[in-house]
Full PDB file with SEQRES, HELIX, SHEET, SSBOND, CRYST1, ORIGX, SCALE, CONECT and MASTER records, all heavy atoms in Angstrom:
SEQRES   1 A   27  ALA ARG ASN PRO TYR ALA PHE PRO GLU LEU LEU LEU GLU          
SEQRES   2 A   27  GLU GLY LEU GLU ALA TRP THR ALA ARG GLU VAL TRP LEU          
SEQRES   3 A   27  VAL                                                          
HELIX    1 AA1 PRO A    8  LEU A   12  1                                   5    
CRYST1    1.000    1.000    1.000  90.00  90.00  90.00 P 1           1          
ORIGX1      1.000000  0.000000  0.000000        0.00000                         
ORIGX2      0.000000  1.000000  0.000000        0.00000                         
ORIGX3      0.000000  0.000000  1.000000        0.00000                         
SCALE1      1.000000  0.000000  0.000000        0.00000                         
SCALE2      0.000000  1.000000  0.000000        0.00000                         
SCALE3      0.000000  0.000000  1.000000        0.00000                         
ATOM      1  N   ALA A   1       3.277   0.715  -0.990  1.00  0.00           N  
ATOM      2  CA  ALA A   1       1.902   0.854  -0.478  1.00  0.00           C  
ATOM      3  C   ALA A   1       0.950   1.419  -1.525  1.00  0.00           C  
ATOM      4  O   ALA A   1      -0.227   1.077  -1.554  1.00  0.00           O  
ATOM      5  CB  ALA A   1       1.898   1.731   0.774  1.00  0.00           C  
ATOM      6  N   ARG A   2       1.479   2.277  -2.391  1.00  0.00           N  
ATOM      7  CA  ARG A   2       0.616   2.921  -3.381  1.00  0.00           C  
ATOM      8  C   ARG A   2       0.460   2.116  -4.659  1.00  0.00           C  
ATOM      9  O   ARG A   2      -0.367   2.459  -5.510  1.00  0.00           O  
ATOM     10  CB  ARG A   2       1.181   4.307  -3.728  1.00  0.00           C  
ATOM     11  CG  ARG A   2       2.485   4.270  -4.520  1.00  0.00           C  
ATOM     12  CD  ARG A   2       3.059   5.656  -4.723  1.00  0.00           C  
ATOM     13  NE  ARG A   2       3.388   6.276  -3.454  1.00  0.00           N  
ATOM     14  CZ  ARG A   2       3.679   7.570  -3.298  1.00  0.00           C  
ATOM     15  NH1 ARG A   2       3.675   8.368  -4.351  1.00  0.00           N  
ATOM     16  NH2 ARG A   2       3.976   8.050  -2.115  1.00  0.00           N  
ATOM     17  N   ASN A   3       1.251   1.088  -4.813  1.00  0.00           N  
ATOM     18  CA  ASN A   3       1.269   0.312  -6.054  1.00  0.00           C  
ATOM     19  C   ASN A   3       0.384  -0.923  -5.905  1.00  0.00           C  
ATOM     20  O   ASN A   3       0.724  -1.864  -5.169  1.00  0.00           O  
ATOM     21  CB  ASN A   3       2.707  -0.110  -6.376  1.00  0.00           C  
ATOM     22  CG  ASN A   3       2.798  -0.919  -7.656  1.00  0.00           C  
ATOM     23  OD1 ASN A   3       1.796  -1.148  -8.347  1.00  0.00           O  
ATOM     24  ND2 ASN A   3       4.001  -1.378  -7.980  1.00  0.00           N  
ATOM     25  N   PRO A   4      -0.766  -0.985  -6.577  1.00  0.00           N  
ATOM     26  CA  PRO A   4      -1.668  -2.134  -6.420  1.00  0.00           C  
ATOM     27  C   PRO A   4      -1.061  -3.445  -6.903  1.00  0.00           C  
ATOM     28  O   PRO A   4      -1.562  -4.525  -6.553  1.00  0.00           O  
ATOM     29  CB  PRO A   4      -2.888  -1.743  -7.243  1.00  0.00           C  
ATOM     30  CG  PRO A   4      -2.386  -0.756  -8.247  1.00  0.00           C  
ATOM     31  CD  PRO A   4      -1.289   0.003  -7.555  1.00  0.00           C  
ATOM     32  N   TYR A   5       0.032  -3.374  -7.670  1.00  0.00           N  
ATOM     33  CA  TYR A   5       0.674  -4.581  -8.163  1.00  0.00           C  
ATOM     34  C   TYR A   5       1.776  -5.074  -7.225  1.00  0.00           C  
ATOM     35  O   TYR A   5       2.318  -6.163  -7.443  1.00  0.00           O  
ATOM     36  CB  TYR A   5       1.237  -4.345  -9.560  1.00  0.00           C  
ATOM     37  CG  TYR A   5       0.162  -4.010 -10.568  1.00  0.00           C  
ATOM     38  CD1 TYR A   5      -0.074  -2.692 -10.938  1.00  0.00           C  
ATOM     39  CD2 TYR A   5      -0.639  -5.003 -11.130  1.00  0.00           C  
ATOM     40  CE1 TYR A   5      -1.074  -2.370 -11.841  1.00  0.00           C  
ATOM     41  CE2 TYR A   5      -1.642  -4.703 -12.033  1.00  0.00           C  
ATOM     42  CZ  TYR A   5      -1.852  -3.373 -12.388  1.00  0.00           C  
ATOM     43  OH  TYR A   5      -2.850  -3.063 -13.281  1.00  0.00           O  
ATOM     44  N   ALA A   6       2.099  -4.279  -6.207  1.00  0.00           N  
ATOM     45  CA  ALA A   6       3.079  -4.706  -5.217  1.00  0.00           C  
ATOM     46  C   ALA A   6       2.374  -5.520  -4.139  1.00  0.00           C  
ATOM     47  O   ALA A   6       1.330  -5.112  -3.625  1.00  0.00           O  
ATOM     48  CB  ALA A   6       3.756  -3.489  -4.588  1.00  0.00           C  
ATOM     49  N   PHE A   7       2.925  -6.677  -3.810  1.00  0.00           N  
ATOM     50  CA  PHE A   7       2.325  -7.571  -2.820  1.00  0.00           C  
ATOM     51  C   PHE A   7       0.827  -7.742  -3.090  1.00  0.00           C  
ATOM     52  O   PHE A   7      -0.019  -7.399  -2.251  1.00  0.00           O  
ATOM     53  CB  PHE A   7       2.566  -7.039  -1.399  1.00  0.00           C  
ATOM     54  CG  PHE A   7       4.002  -6.701  -1.105  1.00  0.00           C  
ATOM     55  CD1 PHE A   7       4.370  -5.418  -0.720  1.00  0.00           C  
ATOM     56  CD2 PHE A   7       4.992  -7.671  -1.224  1.00  0.00           C  
ATOM     57  CE1 PHE A   7       5.686  -5.106  -0.454  1.00  0.00           C  
ATOM     58  CE2 PHE A   7       6.325  -7.372  -0.942  1.00  0.00           C  
ATOM     59  CZ  PHE A   7       6.671  -6.082  -0.563  1.00  0.00           C  
ATOM     60  N   PRO A   8       0.459  -8.254  -4.256  1.00  0.00           N  
ATOM     61  CA  PRO A   8      -0.956  -8.338  -4.635  1.00  0.00           C  
ATOM     62  C   PRO A   8      -1.791  -9.153  -3.661  1.00  0.00           C  
ATOM     63  O   PRO A   8      -3.008  -8.963  -3.573  1.00  0.00           O  
ATOM     64  CB  PRO A   8      -0.912  -8.976  -6.028  1.00  0.00           C  
ATOM     65  CG  PRO A   8       0.412  -9.673  -6.094  1.00  0.00           C  
ATOM     66  CD  PRO A   8       1.342  -8.832  -5.294  1.00  0.00           C  
ATOM     67  N   GLU A   9      -1.143 -10.038  -2.894  1.00  0.00           N  
ATOM     68  CA  GLU A   9      -1.909 -10.837  -1.937  1.00  0.00           C  
ATOM     69  C   GLU A   9      -2.516  -9.965  -0.835  1.00  0.00           C  
ATOM     70  O   GLU A   9      -3.523 -10.352  -0.211  1.00  0.00           O  
ATOM     71  CB  GLU A   9      -1.020 -11.924  -1.317  1.00  0.00           C  
ATOM     72  CG  GLU A   9       0.185 -11.415  -0.539  1.00  0.00           C  
ATOM     73  CD  GLU A   9       1.405 -11.176  -1.403  1.00  0.00           C  
ATOM     74  OE1 GLU A   9       1.247 -11.021  -2.638  1.00  0.00           O  
ATOM     75  OE2 GLU A   9       2.517 -11.132  -0.846  1.00  0.00           O  
ATOM     76  N   LEU A  10      -1.938  -8.794  -0.583  1.00  0.00           N  
ATOM     77  CA  LEU A  10      -2.529  -7.905   0.414  1.00  0.00           C  
ATOM     78  C   LEU A  10      -3.914  -7.439  -0.021  1.00  0.00           C  
ATOM     79  O   LEU A  10      -4.806  -7.249   0.813  1.00  0.00           O  
ATOM     80  CB  LEU A  10      -1.619  -6.692   0.661  1.00  0.00           C  
ATOM     81  CG  LEU A  10      -0.273  -6.977   1.325  1.00  0.00           C  
ATOM     82  CD1 LEU A  10       0.518  -5.682   1.481  1.00  0.00           C  
ATOM     83  CD2 LEU A  10      -0.461  -7.645   2.679  1.00  0.00           C  
ATOM     84  N   LEU A  11      -4.088  -7.266  -1.315  1.00  0.00           N  
ATOM     85  CA  LEU A  11      -5.407  -6.907  -1.842  1.00  0.00           C  
ATOM     86  C   LEU A  11      -6.281  -8.137  -2.008  1.00  0.00           C  
ATOM     87  O   LEU A  11      -7.432  -8.176  -1.548  1.00  0.00           O  
ATOM     88  CB  LEU A  11      -5.260  -6.182  -3.175  1.00  0.00           C  
ATOM     89  CG  LEU A  11      -6.564  -5.869  -3.926  1.00  0.00           C  
ATOM     90  CD1 LEU A  11      -7.468  -4.971  -3.076  1.00  0.00           C  
ATOM     91  CD2 LEU A  11      -6.265  -5.225  -5.269  1.00  0.00           C  
ATOM     92  N   LEU A  12      -5.746  -9.181  -2.638  1.00  0.00           N  
ATOM     93  CA  LEU A  12      -6.549 -10.346  -2.996  1.00  0.00           C  
ATOM     94  C   LEU A  12      -6.982 -11.148  -1.766  1.00  0.00           C  
ATOM     95  O   LEU A  12      -8.096 -11.682  -1.724  1.00  0.00           O  
ATOM     96  CB  LEU A  12      -5.771 -11.237  -3.961  1.00  0.00           C  
ATOM     97  CG  LEU A  12      -5.417 -10.593  -5.307  1.00  0.00           C  
ATOM     98  CD1 LEU A  12      -4.539 -11.522  -6.127  1.00  0.00           C  
ATOM     99  CD2 LEU A  12      -6.682 -10.228  -6.076  1.00  0.00           C  
ATOM    100  N   GLU A  13      -6.093 -11.252  -0.776  1.00  0.00           N  
ATOM    101  CA  GLU A  13      -6.375 -12.090   0.390  1.00  0.00           C  
ATOM    102  C   GLU A  13      -6.839 -11.294   1.604  1.00  0.00           C  
ATOM    103  O   GLU A  13      -7.545 -11.833   2.467  1.00  0.00           O  
ATOM    104  CB  GLU A  13      -5.133 -12.909   0.753  1.00  0.00           C  
ATOM    105  CG  GLU A  13      -4.678 -13.849  -0.344  1.00  0.00           C  
ATOM    106  CD  GLU A  13      -3.366 -14.540  -0.026  1.00  0.00           C  
ATOM    107  OE1 GLU A  13      -2.926 -14.451   1.148  1.00  0.00           O  
ATOM    108  OE2 GLU A  13      -2.780 -15.148  -0.946  1.00  0.00           O  
ATOM    109  N   GLU A  14      -6.437 -10.013   1.691  1.00  0.00           N  
ATOM    110  CA  GLU A  14      -6.753  -9.230   2.883  1.00  0.00           C  
ATOM    111  C   GLU A  14      -7.612  -8.006   2.590  1.00  0.00           C  
ATOM    112  O   GLU A  14      -8.029  -7.302   3.511  1.00  0.00           O  
ATOM    113  CB  GLU A  14      -5.451  -8.801   3.574  1.00  0.00           C  
ATOM    114  CG  GLU A  14      -4.569  -9.968   3.988  1.00  0.00           C  
ATOM    115  CD  GLU A  14      -3.280  -9.532   4.662  1.00  0.00           C  
ATOM    116  OE1 GLU A  14      -3.324  -8.539   5.437  1.00  0.00           O  
ATOM    117  OE2 GLU A  14      -2.233 -10.162   4.423  1.00  0.00           O  
ATOM    118  N   GLY A  15      -7.868  -7.761   1.300  1.00  0.00           N  
ATOM    119  CA  GLY A  15      -8.739  -6.650   0.929  1.00  0.00           C  
ATOM    120  C   GLY A  15      -8.147  -5.278   1.173  1.00  0.00           C  
ATOM    121  O   GLY A  15      -8.881  -4.301   1.317  1.00  0.00           O  
ATOM    122  N   LEU A  16      -6.810  -5.176   1.205  1.00  0.00           N  
ATOM    123  CA  LEU A  16      -6.148  -3.912   1.508  1.00  0.00           C  
ATOM    124  C   LEU A  16      -5.813  -3.171   0.214  1.00  0.00           C  
ATOM    125  O   LEU A  16      -4.894  -3.534  -0.516  1.00  0.00           O  
ATOM    126  CB  LEU A  16      -4.876  -4.161   2.326  1.00  0.00           C  
ATOM    127  CG  LEU A  16      -5.114  -4.776   3.712  1.00  0.00           C  
ATOM    128  CD1 LEU A  16      -3.800  -5.119   4.379  1.00  0.00           C  
ATOM    129  CD2 LEU A  16      -5.943  -3.829   4.589  1.00  0.00           C  
ATOM    130  N   GLU A  17      -6.572  -2.132  -0.055  1.00  0.00           N  
ATOM    131  CA  GLU A  17      -6.383  -1.329  -1.256  1.00  0.00           C  
ATOM    132  C   GLU A  17      -5.096  -0.500  -1.152  1.00  0.00           C  
ATOM    133  O   GLU A  17      -4.634  -0.162  -0.063  1.00  0.00           O  
ATOM    134  CB  GLU A  17      -7.569  -0.377  -1.438  1.00  0.00           C  
ATOM    135  CG  GLU A  17      -8.912  -1.071  -1.626  1.00  0.00           C  
ATOM    136  CD  GLU A  17      -9.120  -1.557  -3.049  1.00  0.00           C  
ATOM    137  OE1 GLU A  17      -8.265  -1.259  -3.916  1.00  0.00           O  
ATOM    138  OE2 GLU A  17     -10.149  -2.221  -3.289  1.00  0.00           O  
ATOM    139  N   ALA A  18      -4.523  -0.154  -2.298  1.00  0.00           N  
ATOM    140  CA  ALA A  18      -3.336   0.695  -2.344  1.00  0.00           C  
ATOM    141  C   ALA A  18      -3.619   2.032  -1.673  1.00  0.00           C  
ATOM    142  O   ALA A  18      -4.750   2.538  -1.692  1.00  0.00           O  
ATOM    143  CB  ALA A  18      -2.896   0.895  -3.787  1.00  0.00           C  
ATOM    144  N   TRP A  19      -2.553   2.603  -1.080  1.00  0.00           N  
ATOM    145  CA  TRP A  19      -2.703   3.874  -0.376  1.00  0.00           C  
ATOM    146  C   TRP A  19      -1.432   4.701  -0.538  1.00  0.00           C  
ATOM    147  O   TRP A  19      -0.317   4.179  -0.430  1.00  0.00           O  
ATOM    148  CB  TRP A  19      -2.966   3.664   1.114  1.00  0.00           C  
ATOM    149  CG  TRP A  19      -3.061   4.954   1.871  1.00  0.00           C  
ATOM    150  CD1 TRP A  19      -2.111   5.511   2.679  1.00  0.00           C  
ATOM    151  CD2 TRP A  19      -4.157   5.874   1.861  1.00  0.00           C  
ATOM    152  NE1 TRP A  19      -2.541   6.709   3.189  1.00  0.00           N  
ATOM    153  CE2 TRP A  19      -3.802   6.959   2.700  1.00  0.00           C  
ATOM    154  CE3 TRP A  19      -5.391   5.886   1.223  1.00  0.00           C  
ATOM    155  CZ2 TRP A  19      -4.651   8.045   2.918  1.00  0.00           C  
ATOM    156  CZ3 TRP A  19      -6.242   6.963   1.443  1.00  0.00           C  
ATOM    157  CH2 TRP A  19      -5.879   8.026   2.275  1.00  0.00           C  
ATOM    158  N   THR A  20      -1.604   5.997  -0.787  1.00  0.00           N  
ATOM    159  CA  THR A  20      -0.472   6.924  -0.914  1.00  0.00           C  
ATOM    160  C   THR A  20      -0.367   7.797   0.326  1.00  0.00           C  
ATOM    161  O   THR A  20      -1.249   8.624   0.593  1.00  0.00           O  
ATOM    162  CB  THR A  20      -0.633   7.819  -2.156  1.00  0.00           C  
ATOM    163  OG1 THR A  20      -0.643   7.009  -3.330  1.00  0.00           O  
ATOM    164  CG2 THR A  20       0.509   8.829  -2.236  1.00  0.00           C  
ATOM    165  N   ALA A  21       0.682   7.590   1.101  1.00  0.00           N  
ATOM    166  CA  ALA A  21       1.009   8.505   2.198  1.00  0.00           C  
ATOM    167  C   ALA A  21       1.722   9.708   1.583  1.00  0.00           C  
ATOM    168  O   ALA A  21       2.717   9.562   0.874  1.00  0.00           O  
ATOM    169  CB  ALA A  21       1.900   7.815   3.220  1.00  0.00           C  
ATOM    170  N   ARG A  22       1.228  10.894   1.866  1.00  0.00           N  
ATOM    171  CA  ARG A  22       1.656  12.063   1.109  1.00  0.00           C  
ATOM    172  C   ARG A  22       2.953  12.694   1.616  1.00  0.00           C  
ATOM    173  O   ARG A  22       3.569  13.501   0.912  1.00  0.00           O  
ATOM    174  CB  ARG A  22       0.539  13.105   1.125  1.00  0.00           C  
ATOM    175  CG  ARG A  22      -0.731  12.613   0.433  1.00  0.00           C  
ATOM    176  CD  ARG A  22      -1.915  13.485   0.742  1.00  0.00           C  
ATOM    177  NE  ARG A  22      -1.706  14.865   0.294  1.00  0.00           N  
ATOM    178  CZ  ARG A  22      -2.447  15.887   0.696  1.00  0.00           C  
ATOM    179  NH1 ARG A  22      -3.427  15.699   1.566  1.00  0.00           N  
ATOM    180  NH2 ARG A  22      -2.207  17.102   0.242  1.00  0.00           N  
ATOM    181  N   GLU A  23       3.366  12.332   2.826  1.00  0.00           N  
ATOM    182  CA  GLU A  23       4.573  12.961   3.360  1.00  0.00           C  
ATOM    183  C   GLU A  23       5.201  12.043   4.403  1.00  0.00           C  
ATOM    184  O   GLU A  23       4.520  11.280   5.076  1.00  0.00           O  
ATOM    185  CB  GLU A  23       4.208  14.311   3.997  1.00  0.00           C  
ATOM    186  CG  GLU A  23       5.377  15.259   4.209  1.00  0.00           C  
ATOM    187  CD  GLU A  23       4.878  16.688   4.453  1.00  0.00           C  
ATOM    188  OE1 GLU A  23       4.599  17.021   5.624  1.00  0.00           O  
ATOM    189  OE2 GLU A  23       4.743  17.445   3.474  1.00  0.00           O  
ATOM    190  N   VAL A  24       6.533  12.120   4.508  1.00  0.00           N  
ATOM    191  CA  VAL A  24       7.284  11.383   5.523  1.00  0.00           C  
ATOM    192  C   VAL A  24       8.143  12.380   6.298  1.00  0.00           C  
ATOM    193  O   VAL A  24       8.764  13.263   5.689  1.00  0.00           O  
ATOM    194  CB  VAL A  24       8.184  10.298   4.886  1.00  0.00           C  
ATOM    195  CG1 VAL A  24       9.003   9.589   5.959  1.00  0.00           C  
ATOM    196  CG2 VAL A  24       7.347   9.290   4.104  1.00  0.00           C  
ATOM    197  N   TRP A  25       8.180  12.233   7.628  1.00  0.00           N  
ATOM    198  CA  TRP A  25       9.092  13.012   8.460  1.00  0.00           C  
ATOM    199  C   TRP A  25      10.110  12.048   9.051  1.00  0.00           C  
ATOM    200  O   TRP A  25       9.747  11.057   9.688  1.00  0.00           O  
ATOM    201  CB  TRP A  25       8.354  13.719   9.593  1.00  0.00           C  
ATOM    202  CG  TRP A  25       7.416  14.808   9.153  1.00  0.00           C  
ATOM    203  CD1 TRP A  25       7.114  15.198   7.879  1.00  0.00           C  
ATOM    204  CD2 TRP A  25       6.652  15.660  10.010  1.00  0.00           C  
ATOM    205  NE1 TRP A  25       6.221  16.219   7.876  1.00  0.00           N  
ATOM    206  CE2 TRP A  25       5.910  16.540   9.176  1.00  0.00           C  
ATOM    207  CE3 TRP A  25       6.513  15.769  11.394  1.00  0.00           C  
ATOM    208  CZ2 TRP A  25       5.057  17.508   9.701  1.00  0.00           C  
ATOM    209  CZ3 TRP A  25       5.664  16.727  11.912  1.00  0.00           C  
ATOM    210  CH2 TRP A  25       4.946  17.602  11.081  1.00  0.00           C  
ATOM    211  N   LEU A  26      11.381  12.319   8.814  1.00  0.00           N  
ATOM    212  CA  LEU A  26      12.467  11.466   9.282  1.00  0.00           C  
ATOM    213  C   LEU A  26      13.082  12.033  10.557  1.00  0.00           C  
ATOM    214  O   LEU A  26      13.335  13.243  10.654  1.00  0.00           O  
ATOM    215  CB  LEU A  26      13.545  11.346   8.209  1.00  0.00           C  
ATOM    216  CG  LEU A  26      13.095  10.801   6.848  1.00  0.00           C  
ATOM    217  CD1 LEU A  26      14.243  10.876   5.851  1.00  0.00           C  
ATOM    218  CD2 LEU A  26      12.576   9.377   6.982  1.00  0.00           C  
ATOM    219  N   VAL A  27      13.343  11.159  11.529  1.00  0.00           N  
ATOM    220  CA  VAL A  27      13.979  11.568  12.777  1.00  0.00           C  
ATOM    221  C   VAL A  27      15.385  10.983  12.852  1.00  0.00           C  
ATOM    222  O   VAL A  27      15.667   9.933  12.277  1.00  0.00           O  
ATOM    223  CB  VAL A  27      13.157  11.131  14.004  1.00  0.00           C  
ATOM    224  CG1 VAL A  27      11.764  11.721  13.959  1.00  0.00           C  
ATOM    225  CG2 VAL A  27      13.081   9.614  14.108  1.00  0.00           C  
TER     226      VAL A  27                                                      
MASTER        0    0    0    1    0    0    0    6  225    1    0    3          
END                                                                             
């Protein structure tokens, strides 16, 4: 999600900019 080069079509075709989620809680 944070890497703009991962799945570039999400940015190019859907306009979804990279995003860093800062924490994960596992159940």
